Amino acid sequence: MNVVIIKYNAGNIYSVDYGLKRLGIQPVITDDPELIQKADRVIFPGQGEASTTMQYLREHRLDEVIKRLKQPVLGICIGMQLMCRRSEEGPADCLGIFDAPVVRFRPERQEDKVPHMGWNSLSDLKSSLYKDFSGGEYVYFVHSYYVPLNEWSIATSDYILPFCASMHKDNFYATQFHPEKSGTVGERILQNFLDL
């Protein structure tokens, strides 16, 4: 299977590369539009800041490439947020694949720390991305911004308030958490994505 990881100015790309290699996949890390468009699966990972990252995508015309993809695409962390309409981080206009906003966590109690960092459980699971899951599985998050629950939500988590942990629309899938850092649970999610 030909799997591409989109290369751009965001961190965390190599942990996704390593996570796929553990599953026996040798991904190609590239920003070449032709290679991205020819891939069987595309992963759009990252950690970074929304406005500078969107600027980079536009300058390299990767924004239009991503929106036109027809094969299964998985956005991870900021990859998910950049698939939304607009982010408060910057602020930034994003890709608009999901007509949803990205907003900053606002602490309500002293113990509410931002960024949200650590293991949280998933609930309200839908979609074949979570095939053979029963809910309650723990995954690893690192984020200061979140997507509110919406019509494309396929998993929910809770930190300060319930928020969208994962989305799906057409061939686009996304996780706010890091499956590549979520142990055997994350490996199952990546495998389910490859099996779509």
C-alpha atoms as a PDB file:
ATOM      1  CA  MET A   1       0.000   0.000   0.000  1.00  0.00           C
ATOM      2  CA  ASN A   2       1.272   3.449  -0.969  1.00  0.00           C
ATOM      3  CA  VAL A   3       0.917   5.750   2.069  1.00  0.00           C
ATOM      4  CA  VAL A   4       2.022   9.384   1.995  1.00  0.00           C
ATOM      5  CA  ILE A   5       2.649  11.645   4.986  1.00  0.00           C
ATOM      6  CA  ILE A   6       2.311  15.290   3.954  1.00  0.00           C
ATOM      7  CA  LYS A   7       5.506  17.188   4.702  1.00  0.00           C
ATOM      8  CA  TYR A   8       5.048  20.795   5.813  1.00  0.00           C
ATOM      9  CA  ASN A   9       6.213  23.168   8.555  1.00  0.00           C
ATOM     10  CA  ALA A  10       4.635  21.253  11.432  1.00  0.00           C
ATOM     11  CA  GLY A  11       6.209  18.956  13.970  1.00  0.00           C
ATOM     12  CA  ASN A  12       5.430  15.335  14.800  1.00  0.00           C
ATOM     13  CA  ILE A  13       5.737  13.954  11.277  1.00  0.00           C
ATOM     14  CA  TYR A  14       8.437  11.433  12.202  1.00  0.00           C
ATOM     15  CA  SER A  15       6.503   9.862  15.070  1.00  0.00           C
ATOM     16  CA  VAL A  16       3.706   9.130  12.571  1.00  0.00           C
ATOM     17  CA  ASP A  17       6.307   7.666  10.201  1.00  0.00           C
ATOM     18  CA  TYR A  18       7.568   5.421  13.009  1.00  0.00           C
ATOM     19  CA  GLY A  19       4.009   4.445  14.009  1.00  0.00           C
ATOM     20  CA  LEU A  20       3.250   3.297  10.463  1.00  0.00           C
ATOM     21  CA  LYS A  21       6.520   1.375  10.206  1.00  0.00           C
ATOM     22  CA  ARG A  22       5.489  -0.576  13.319  1.00  0.00           C
ATOM     23  CA  LEU A  23       2.460  -1.702  11.268  1.00  0.00           C
ATOM     24  CA  GLY A  24       4.677  -2.822   8.391  1.00  0.00           C
ATOM     25  CA  ILE A  25       4.050   0.246   6.196  1.00  0.00           C
ATOM     26  CA  GLN A  26       6.938   2.211   4.655  1.00  0.00           C
ATOM     27  CA  PRO A  27       5.360   5.658   4.133  1.00  0.00           C
ATOM     28  CA  VAL A  28       6.691   8.377   1.843  1.00  0.00           C
ATOM     29  CA  ILE A  29       7.146  11.795   3.476  1.00  0.00           C
ATOM     30  CA  THR A  30       6.644  14.410   0.768  1.00  0.00           C
ATOM     31  CA  ASP A  31       5.236  17.785  -0.239  1.00  0.00           C
ATOM     32  CA  ASP A  32       5.121  16.762  -3.927  1.00  0.00           C
ATOM     33  CA  PRO A  33       1.504  17.251  -5.132  1.00  0.00           C
ATOM     34  CA  GLU A  34       1.799  14.460  -7.695  1.00  0.00           C
ATOM     35  CA  LEU A  35       2.984  11.894  -5.138  1.00  0.00           C
ATOM     36  CA  ILE A  36       0.296  13.007  -2.681  1.00  0.00           C
ATOM     37  CA  GLN A  37      -2.457  12.695  -5.290  1.00  0.00           C
ATOM     38  CA  LYS A  38      -1.298   9.210  -6.393  1.00  0.00           C
ATOM     39  CA  ALA A  39      -1.159   7.749  -2.862  1.00  0.00           C
ATOM     40  CA  ASP A  40      -3.590   5.080  -1.652  1.00  0.00           C
ATOM     41  CA  ARG A  41      -3.777   6.762   1.769  1.00  0.00           C
ATOM     42  CA  VAL A  42      -2.742  10.265   2.856  1.00  0.00           C
ATOM     43  CA  ILE A  43      -1.904  11.314   6.414  1.00  0.00           C
ATOM     44  CA  PHE A  44      -1.900  15.011   7.336  1.00  0.00           C
ATOM     45  CA  PRO A  45      -0.295  15.124  10.811  1.00  0.00           C
ATOM     46  CA  GLY A  46       1.360  17.850  12.810  1.00  0.00           C
ATOM     47  CA  GLN A  47       1.865  19.988  15.848  1.00  0.00           C
ATOM     48  CA  GLY A  48       2.206  23.706  15.361  1.00  0.00           C
ATOM     49  CA  GLU A  49       0.449  27.064  15.130  1.00  0.00           C
ATOM     50  CA  ALA A  50      -2.543  27.453  12.823  1.00  0.00           C
ATOM     51  CA  SER A  51      -1.923  30.794  11.093  1.00  0.00           C
ATOM     52  CA  THR A  52       1.752  30.232  10.153  1.00  0.00           C
ATOM     53  CA  THR A  53       0.989  26.663   9.109  1.00  0.00           C
ATOM     54  CA  MET A  54      -1.900  27.759   6.849  1.00  0.00           C
ATOM     55  CA  GLN A  55       0.358  30.427   5.342  1.00  0.00           C
ATOM     56  CA  TYR A  56       2.934  27.743   4.506  1.00  0.00           C
ATOM     57  CA  LEU A  57       0.280  25.468   2.961  1.00  0.00           C
ATOM     58  CA  ARG A  58      -1.005  28.312   0.766  1.00  0.00           C
ATOM     59  CA  GLU A  59       2.472  29.401  -0.328  1.00  0.00           C
ATOM     60  CA  HIS A  60       3.203  25.831  -1.438  1.00  0.00           C
ATOM     61  CA  ARG A  61      -0.321  25.321  -2.861  1.00  0.00           C
ATOM     62  CA  LEU A  62      -0.798  22.312  -0.619  1.00  0.00           C
ATOM     63  CA  ASP A  63      -4.116  23.754   0.601  1.00  0.00           C
ATOM     64  CA  GLU A  64      -5.749  23.146  -2.786  1.00  0.00           C
ATOM     65  CA  VAL A  65      -4.070  19.745  -3.174  1.00  0.00           C
ATOM     66  CA  ILE A  66      -5.451  18.522   0.173  1.00  0.00           C
ATOM     67  CA  LYS A  67      -9.003  19.747  -0.493  1.00  0.00           C
ATOM     68  CA  ARG A  68      -9.117  17.929  -3.859  1.00  0.00           C
ATOM     69  CA  LEU A  69      -7.978  14.525  -2.575  1.00  0.00           C
ATOM     70  CA  LYS A  70     -10.362  11.618  -3.248  1.00  0.00           C
ATOM     71  CA  GLN A  71      -8.608   8.788  -1.382  1.00  0.00           C
ATOM     72  CA  PRO A  72      -8.921   8.322   2.426  1.00  0.00           C
ATOM     73  CA  VAL A  73      -7.158  11.183   4.252  1.00  0.00           C
ATOM     74  CA  LEU A  74      -6.392  11.244   7.988  1.00  0.00           C
ATOM     75  CA  GLY A  75      -5.726  14.555   9.719  1.00  0.00           C
ATOM     76  CA  ILE A  76      -3.988  14.317  13.105  1.00  0.00           C
ATOM     77  CA  CYS A  77      -3.920  17.044  15.811  1.00  0.00           C
ATOM     78  CA  ILE A  78      -3.331  20.347  14.005  1.00  0.00           C
ATOM     79  CA  GLY A  79      -4.068  18.424  10.802  1.00  0.00           C
ATOM     80  CA  MET A  80      -7.632  17.997  12.083  1.00  0.00           C
ATOM     81  CA  GLN A  81      -7.870  21.646  13.140  1.00  0.00           C
ATOM     82  CA  LEU A  82      -6.603  22.876   9.764  1.00  0.00           C
ATOM     83  CA  MET A  83      -9.357  20.842   8.074  1.00  0.00           C
ATOM     84  CA  CYS A  84     -11.903  23.086   9.817  1.00  0.00           C
ATOM     85  CA  ARG A  85     -13.310  26.426   8.668  1.00  0.00           C
ATOM     86  CA  ARG A  86     -11.500  28.842  10.968  1.00  0.00           C
ATOM     87  CA  SER A  87      -9.229  28.746  14.014  1.00  0.00           C
ATOM     88  CA  GLU A  88      -8.994  31.242  16.863  1.00  0.00           C
ATOM     89  CA  GLU A  89      -5.261  30.498  16.852  1.00  0.00           C
ATOM     90  CA  GLY A  90      -3.801  33.349  14.861  1.00  0.00           C
ATOM     91  CA  PRO A  91      -6.687  33.728  14.004  1.00  0.00           C
ATOM     92  CA  ALA A  92      -6.580  31.787  10.753  1.00  0.00           C
ATOM     93  CA  ASP A  93      -8.884  30.842   7.910  1.00  0.00           C
ATOM     94  CA  CYS A  94      -8.355  27.121   7.375  1.00  0.00           C
ATOM     95  CA  LEU A  95      -9.175  24.545   4.680  1.00  0.00           C
ATOM     96  CA  GLY A  96     -12.929  24.464   5.299  1.00  0.00           C
ATOM     97  CA  ILE A  97     -13.374  20.724   4.681  1.00  0.00           C
ATOM     98  CA  PHE A  98     -15.391  20.598   7.915  1.00  0.00           C
ATOM     99  CA  ASP A  99     -17.613  23.655   8.440  1.00  0.00           C
ATOM    100  CA  ALA A 100     -16.641  23.844  12.111  1.00  0.00           C
ATOM    101  CA  PRO A 101     -14.664  26.362  14.197  1.00  0.00           C
ATOM    102  CA  VAL A 102     -11.542  25.743  16.287  1.00  0.00           C
ATOM    103  CA  VAL A 103     -11.638  27.524  19.652  1.00  0.00           C
ATOM    104  CA  ARG A 104      -9.297  27.874  22.622  1.00  0.00           C
ATOM    105  CA  PHE A 105      -9.898  26.001  25.871  1.00  0.00           C
ATOM    106  CA  ARG A 106     -10.976  28.485  28.534  1.00  0.00           C
ATOM    107  CA  PRO A 107     -10.162  27.204  32.042  1.00  0.00           C
ATOM    108  CA  GLU A 108     -13.104  27.258  34.449  1.00  0.00           C
ATOM    109  CA  ARG A 109     -11.299  26.033  37.578  1.00  0.00           C
ATOM    110  CA  GLN A 110      -7.802  26.435  38.942  1.00  0.00           C
ATOM    111  CA  GLU A 111      -6.960  22.806  38.145  1.00  0.00           C
ATOM    112  CA  ASP A 112      -7.877  23.267  34.461  1.00  0.00           C
ATOM    113  CA  LYS A 113      -4.519  23.485  32.701  1.00  0.00           C
ATOM    114  CA  VAL A 114      -4.061  24.579  29.110  1.00  0.00           C
ATOM    115  CA  PRO A 115      -2.732  22.943  27.028  1.00  0.00           C
ATOM    116  CA  HIS A 116      -4.698  19.775  27.639  1.00  0.00           C
ATOM    117  CA  MET A 117      -1.932  17.188  27.780  1.00  0.00           C
ATOM    118  CA  GLY A 118      -2.233  13.505  28.570  1.00  0.00           C
ATOM    119  CA  TRP A 119      -4.489  10.481  28.316  1.00  0.00           C
ATOM    120  CA  ASN A 120      -8.257  10.815  27.969  1.00  0.00           C
ATOM    121  CA  SER A 121     -10.977   8.332  27.099  1.00  0.00           C
ATOM    122  CA  LEU A 122     -13.141   8.241  23.982  1.00  0.00           C
ATOM    123  CA  SER A 123     -16.917   7.875  23.867  1.00  0.00           C
ATOM    124  CA  ASP A 124     -19.793   8.097  21.330  1.00  0.00           C
ATOM    125  CA  LEU A 125     -17.724   6.205  18.763  1.00  0.00           C
ATOM    126  CA  LYS A 126     -19.034   6.011  15.194  1.00  0.00           C
ATOM    127  CA  SER A 127     -17.482   5.165  11.807  1.00  0.00           C
ATOM    128  CA  SER A 128     -15.298   2.302  10.619  1.00  0.00           C
ATOM    129  CA  LEU A 129     -12.267   4.185  11.993  1.00  0.00           C
ATOM    130  CA  TYR A 130     -13.361   2.744  15.370  1.00  0.00           C
ATOM    131  CA  LYS A 131     -14.240  -0.758  14.171  1.00  0.00           C
ATOM    132  CA  ASP A 132     -14.163  -3.237  17.089  1.00  0.00           C
ATOM    133  CA  PHE A 133     -13.995  -0.446  19.692  1.00  0.00           C
ATOM    134  CA  SER A 134     -16.504  -0.380  22.540  1.00  0.00           C
ATOM    135  CA  GLY A 135     -15.802   3.103  23.968  1.00  0.00           C
ATOM    136  CA  GLY A 136     -13.754   4.011  27.024  1.00  0.00           C
ATOM    137  CA  GLU A 137     -10.411   3.474  25.250  1.00  0.00           C
ATOM    138  CA  TYR A 138      -7.677   5.937  26.241  1.00  0.00           C
ATOM    139  CA  VAL A 139      -5.686   8.010  23.742  1.00  0.00           C
ATOM    140  CA  TYR A 140      -3.032  10.713  24.035  1.00  0.00           C
ATOM    141  CA  PHE A 141      -3.810  14.424  23.564  1.00  0.00           C
ATOM    142  CA  VAL A 142      -1.659  17.588  23.417  1.00  0.00           C
ATOM    143  CA  HIS A 143      -3.672  20.696  22.444  1.00  0.00           C
ATOM    144  CA  SER A 144      -4.762  24.163  23.571  1.00  0.00           C
ATOM    145  CA  TYR A 145      -7.521  24.488  20.946  1.00  0.00           C
ATOM    146  CA  TYR A 146     -10.444  22.179  20.272  1.00  0.00           C
ATOM    147  CA  VAL A 147     -13.306  21.620  17.853  1.00  0.00           C
ATOM    148  CA  PRO A 148     -16.783  21.776  19.449  1.00  0.00           C
ATOM    149  CA  LEU A 149     -19.057  18.769  18.958  1.00  0.00           C
ATOM    150  CA  ASN A 150     -20.691  18.919  15.523  1.00  0.00           C
ATOM    151  CA  GLU A 151     -22.530  16.869  12.912  1.00  0.00           C
ATOM    152  CA  TRP A 152     -19.282  15.230  11.736  1.00  0.00           C
ATOM    153  CA  SER A 153     -18.138  14.121  15.213  1.00  0.00           C
ATOM    154  CA  ILE A 154     -17.346  10.408  15.374  1.00  0.00           C
ATOM    155  CA  ALA A 155     -15.711  10.398  18.832  1.00  0.00           C
ATOM    156  CA  THR A 156     -16.076  12.553  21.939  1.00  0.00           C
ATOM    157  CA  SER A 157     -13.682  13.260  24.769  1.00  0.00           C
ATOM    158  CA  ASP A 158     -14.023  15.504  27.813  1.00  0.00           C
ATOM    159  CA  TYR A 159     -11.642  18.131  29.178  1.00  0.00           C
ATOM    160  CA  ILE A 160     -13.183  21.236  30.781  1.00  0.00           C
ATOM    161  CA  LEU A 161     -16.156  20.392  28.539  1.00  0.00           C
ATOM    162  CA  PRO A 162     -17.113  17.645  26.053  1.00  0.00           C
ATOM    163  CA  PHE A 163     -15.344  18.229  22.731  1.00  0.00           C
ATOM    164  CA  CYS A 164     -14.915  16.589  19.357  1.00  0.00           C
ATOM    165  CA  ALA A 165     -12.065  14.068  19.473  1.00  0.00           C
ATOM    166  CA  SER A 166     -12.523  12.820  15.909  1.00  0.00           C
ATOM    167  CA  MET A 167     -14.429  13.682  12.727  1.00  0.00           C
ATOM    168  CA  HIS A 168     -15.431  12.105   9.432  1.00  0.00           C
ATOM    169  CA  LYS A 169     -16.868  13.559   6.227  1.00  0.00           C
ATOM    170  CA  ASP A 170     -16.699  11.778   2.869  1.00  0.00           C
ATOM    171  CA  ASN A 171     -13.072  10.582   2.427  1.00  0.00           C
ATOM    172  CA  PHE A 172     -11.724  12.853   5.184  1.00  0.00           C
ATOM    173  CA  TYR A 173     -11.099  11.486   8.689  1.00  0.00           C
ATOM    174  CA  ALA A 174      -9.469  13.337  11.565  1.00  0.00           C
ATOM    175  CA  THR A 175      -8.353  12.844  15.154  1.00  0.00           C
ATOM    176  CA  GLN A 176      -7.516  15.558  17.670  1.00  0.00           C
ATOM    177  CA  PHE A 177      -5.470  13.009  19.616  1.00  0.00           C
ATOM    178  CA  HIS A 178      -2.254  11.344  18.460  1.00  0.00           C
ATOM    179  CA  PRO A 179      -2.909   7.721  17.447  1.00  0.00           C
ATOM    180  CA  GLU A 180       0.825   7.265  16.825  1.00  0.00           C
ATOM    181  CA  LYS A 181       1.453   8.055  20.523  1.00  0.00           C
ATOM    182  CA  SER A 182      -1.540   6.106  21.870  1.00  0.00           C
ATOM    183  CA  GLY A 183      -0.075   2.618  22.199  1.00  0.00           C
ATOM    184  CA  THR A 184      -2.005  -0.406  20.982  1.00  0.00           C
ATOM    185  CA  VAL A 185      -5.284   1.572  20.837  1.00  0.00           C
ATOM    186  CA  GLY A 186      -3.703   4.065  18.452  1.00  0.00           C
ATOM    187  CA  GLU A 187      -2.197   1.278  16.358  1.00  0.00           C
ATOM    188  CA  ARG A 188      -5.673  -0.217  15.928  1.00  0.00           C
ATOM    189  CA  ILE A 189      -7.013   3.164  14.777  1.00  0.00           C
ATOM    190  CA  LEU A 190      -4.193   3.549  12.239  1.00  0.00           C
ATOM    191  CA  GLN A 191      -4.773  -0.008  11.024  1.00  0.00           C
ATOM    192  CA  ASN A 192      -8.507   0.664  10.690  1.00  0.00           C
ATOM    193  CA  PHE A 193      -7.670   3.728   8.597  1.00  0.00           C
ATOM    194  CA  LEU A 194      -5.379   1.676   6.355  1.00  0.00           C
ATOM    195  CA  ASP A 195      -8.144  -0.959   6.033  1.00  0.00           C
ATOM    196  CA  LEU A 196     -10.862   1.511   4.952  1.00  0.00           C
END
